Amino acid sequence: MLPKRSRRTVSKSIGPTCPFAGSCEVSKTQRRHCPACRLQKCLDAGMRKDTSSSSVHPSPALAHPGPCAASGHTLRRHQHFHGTASHQVY
């Protein structure tokens, strides 16, 4: 008998199979019921199976730089939220 981890790896390499011969409705409410039909719908829409998810979804900081990054200046967190006067010692 194989350990649990090995069985999971083997079953994932085969891929999901539909128990209803690929005739499932894939909608927002039903999409979690059959991963095989959901994957097939994504592949039919143009998704490539060999693309890694990190190359498809870049990190949010690099994808959409904020206004400070575009203008070249930075704000310190304490100055931005509290102002400089709140940190002075009298």
C-alpha atoms as a PDB file:
ATOM      1  CA  MET A   1       0.000   0.000   0.000  1.00  0.00           C
ATOM      2  CA  LEU A   2       1.330   3.457  -0.914  1.00  0.00           C
ATOM      3  CA  PRO A   3       1.584   6.261   1.641  1.00  0.00           C
ATOM      4  CA  LYS A   4      -1.081   8.983   1.384  1.00  0.00           C
ATOM      5  CA  ARG A   5       1.249  11.532  -0.188  1.00  0.00           C
ATOM      6  CA  SER A   6       2.237   9.167  -3.005  1.00  0.00           C
ATOM      7  CA  ARG A   7      -1.381   8.310  -3.797  1.00  0.00           C
ATOM      8  CA  ARG A   8      -2.282  11.993  -4.035  1.00  0.00           C
ATOM      9  CA  THR A   9       0.641  12.678  -6.338  1.00  0.00           C
ATOM     10  CA  VAL A  10      -0.234   9.759  -8.594  1.00  0.00           C
ATOM     11  CA  SER A  11      -3.902  10.720  -8.825  1.00  0.00           C
ATOM     12  CA  LYS A  12      -3.046  14.362  -9.602  1.00  0.00           C
ATOM     13  CA  SER A  13      -0.700  13.370 -12.423  1.00  0.00           C
ATOM     14  CA  ILE A  14      -3.528  11.458 -14.126  1.00  0.00           C
ATOM     15  CA  GLY A  15      -5.853  14.450 -13.899  1.00  0.00           C
ATOM     16  CA  PRO A  16      -9.444  14.871 -12.817  1.00  0.00           C
ATOM     17  CA  THR A  17     -12.100  12.675 -14.422  1.00  0.00           C
ATOM     18  CA  CYS A  18     -15.803  13.418 -14.729  1.00  0.00           C
ATOM     19  CA  PRO A  19     -18.172  10.764 -13.352  1.00  0.00           C
ATOM     20  CA  PHE A  20     -20.901  12.022 -15.720  1.00  0.00           C
ATOM     21  CA  ALA A  21     -19.037  11.656 -19.041  1.00  0.00           C
ATOM     22  CA  GLY A  22     -18.202  15.367 -19.317  1.00  0.00           C
ATOM     23  CA  SER A  23     -21.784  16.616 -19.373  1.00  0.00           C
ATOM     24  CA  CYS A  24     -21.694  18.775 -16.220  1.00  0.00           C
ATOM     25  CA  GLU A  25     -22.897  22.379 -16.224  1.00  0.00           C
ATOM     26  CA  VAL A  26     -20.039  24.694 -15.255  1.00  0.00           C
ATOM     27  CA  SER A  27     -21.551  27.854 -13.786  1.00  0.00           C
ATOM     28  CA  LYS A  28     -20.684  30.113 -10.883  1.00  0.00           C
ATOM     29  CA  THR A  29     -22.867  28.125  -8.511  1.00  0.00           C
ATOM     30  CA  GLN A  30     -21.996  24.638  -9.825  1.00  0.00           C
ATOM     31  CA  ARG A  31     -18.287  25.001 -10.642  1.00  0.00           C
ATOM     32  CA  ARG A  32     -17.022  23.260  -7.496  1.00  0.00           C
ATOM     33  CA  HIS A  33     -18.945  20.046  -8.152  1.00  0.00           C
ATOM     34  CA  CYS A  34     -16.861  18.745 -11.060  1.00  0.00           C
ATOM     35  CA  PRO A  35     -13.210  19.854 -11.315  1.00  0.00           C
ATOM     36  CA  ALA A  36     -12.763  17.847 -14.539  1.00  0.00           C
ATOM     37  CA  CYS A  37     -15.469  19.750 -16.437  1.00  0.00           C
ATOM     38  CA  ARG A  38     -14.266  23.058 -14.978  1.00  0.00           C
ATOM     39  CA  LEU A  39     -10.714  22.374 -16.164  1.00  0.00           C
ATOM     40  CA  GLN A  40     -11.983  21.352 -19.602  1.00  0.00           C
ATOM     41  CA  LYS A  41     -13.998  24.581 -19.887  1.00  0.00           C
ATOM     42  CA  CYS A  42     -10.866  26.595 -19.035  1.00  0.00           C
ATOM     43  CA  LEU A  43      -8.814  24.687 -21.614  1.00  0.00           C
ATOM     44  CA  ASP A  44     -11.533  25.239 -24.238  1.00  0.00           C
ATOM     45  CA  ALA A  45     -11.440  28.978 -23.460  1.00  0.00           C
ATOM     46  CA  GLY A  46      -7.706  29.098 -24.227  1.00  0.00           C
ATOM     47  CA  MET A  47      -5.933  28.349 -20.962  1.00  0.00           C
ATOM     48  CA  ARG A  48      -2.644  26.528 -21.472  1.00  0.00           C
ATOM     49  CA  LYS A  49      -2.032  23.597 -19.177  1.00  0.00           C
ATOM     50  CA  ASP A  50       1.770  23.948 -19.298  1.00  0.00           C
ATOM     51  CA  THR A  51       1.895  27.583 -18.076  1.00  0.00           C
ATOM     52  CA  SER A  52       2.918  28.083 -14.455  1.00  0.00           C
ATOM     53  CA  SER A  53       0.659  30.242 -12.301  1.00  0.00           C
ATOM     54  CA  SER A  54       3.511  32.549 -11.242  1.00  0.00           C
ATOM     55  CA  SER A  55       4.109  33.673 -14.834  1.00  0.00           C
ATOM     56  CA  VAL A  56       0.386  34.258 -15.398  1.00  0.00           C
ATOM     57  CA  HIS A  57      -0.179  36.221 -12.171  1.00  0.00           C
ATOM     58  CA  PRO A  58       2.698  38.653 -11.487  1.00  0.00           C
ATOM     59  CA  SER A  59       3.097  39.998  -7.978  1.00  0.00           C
ATOM     60  CA  PRO A  60       0.705  42.905  -7.218  1.00  0.00           C
ATOM     61  CA  ALA A  61       3.545  45.329  -6.427  1.00  0.00           C
ATOM     62  CA  LEU A  62       5.049  44.910  -9.886  1.00  0.00           C
ATOM     63  CA  ALA A  63       1.794  44.704 -11.807  1.00  0.00           C
ATOM     64  CA  HIS A  64       0.289  48.026 -10.720  1.00  0.00           C
ATOM     65  CA  PRO A  65       2.786  50.472  -9.208  1.00  0.00           C
ATOM     66  CA  GLY A  66       1.189  53.167  -7.100  1.00  0.00           C
ATOM     67  CA  PRO A  67       1.443  56.922  -7.695  1.00  0.00           C
ATOM     68  CA  CYS A  68       4.488  57.221  -5.419  1.00  0.00           C
ATOM     69  CA  ALA A  69       6.440  54.643  -7.405  1.00  0.00           C
ATOM     70  CA  ALA A  70       5.657  56.411 -10.676  1.00  0.00           C
ATOM     71  CA  SER A  71       6.733  59.857  -9.436  1.00  0.00           C
ATOM     72  CA  GLY A  72       9.933  58.596  -7.806  1.00  0.00           C
ATOM     73  CA  HIS A  73       9.331  59.906  -4.265  1.00  0.00           C
ATOM     74  CA  THR A  74       8.560  57.912  -1.158  1.00  0.00           C
ATOM     75  CA  LEU A  75       6.661  58.706   2.010  1.00  0.00           C
ATOM     76  CA  ARG A  76       7.608  57.436   5.407  1.00  0.00           C
ATOM     77  CA  ARG A  77       4.790  55.623   7.076  1.00  0.00           C
ATOM     78  CA  HIS A  78       4.848  57.758  10.235  1.00  0.00           C
ATOM     79  CA  GLN A  79       4.935  61.012   8.303  1.00  0.00           C
ATOM     80  CA  HIS A  80       2.144  59.888   6.030  1.00  0.00           C
ATOM     81  CA  PHE A  81      -0.253  58.794   8.766  1.00  0.00           C
ATOM     82  CA  HIS A  82       0.728  60.899  11.775  1.00  0.00           C
ATOM     83  CA  GLY A  83       2.672  63.895  10.552  1.00  0.00           C
ATOM     84  CA  THR A  84       6.088  64.876  11.891  1.00  0.00           C
ATOM     85  CA  ALA A  85       4.803  66.972  14.819  1.00  0.00           C
ATOM     86  CA  SER A  86       3.286  64.000  16.667  1.00  0.00           C
ATOM     87  CA  HIS A  87       6.711  62.376  17.159  1.00  0.00           C
ATOM     88  CA  GLN A  88       8.519  65.366  18.659  1.00  0.00           C
ATOM     89  CA  VAL A  89       9.618  65.186  22.290  1.00  0.00           C
ATOM     90  CA  TYR A  90       9.279  68.413  24.355  1.00  0.00           C
END
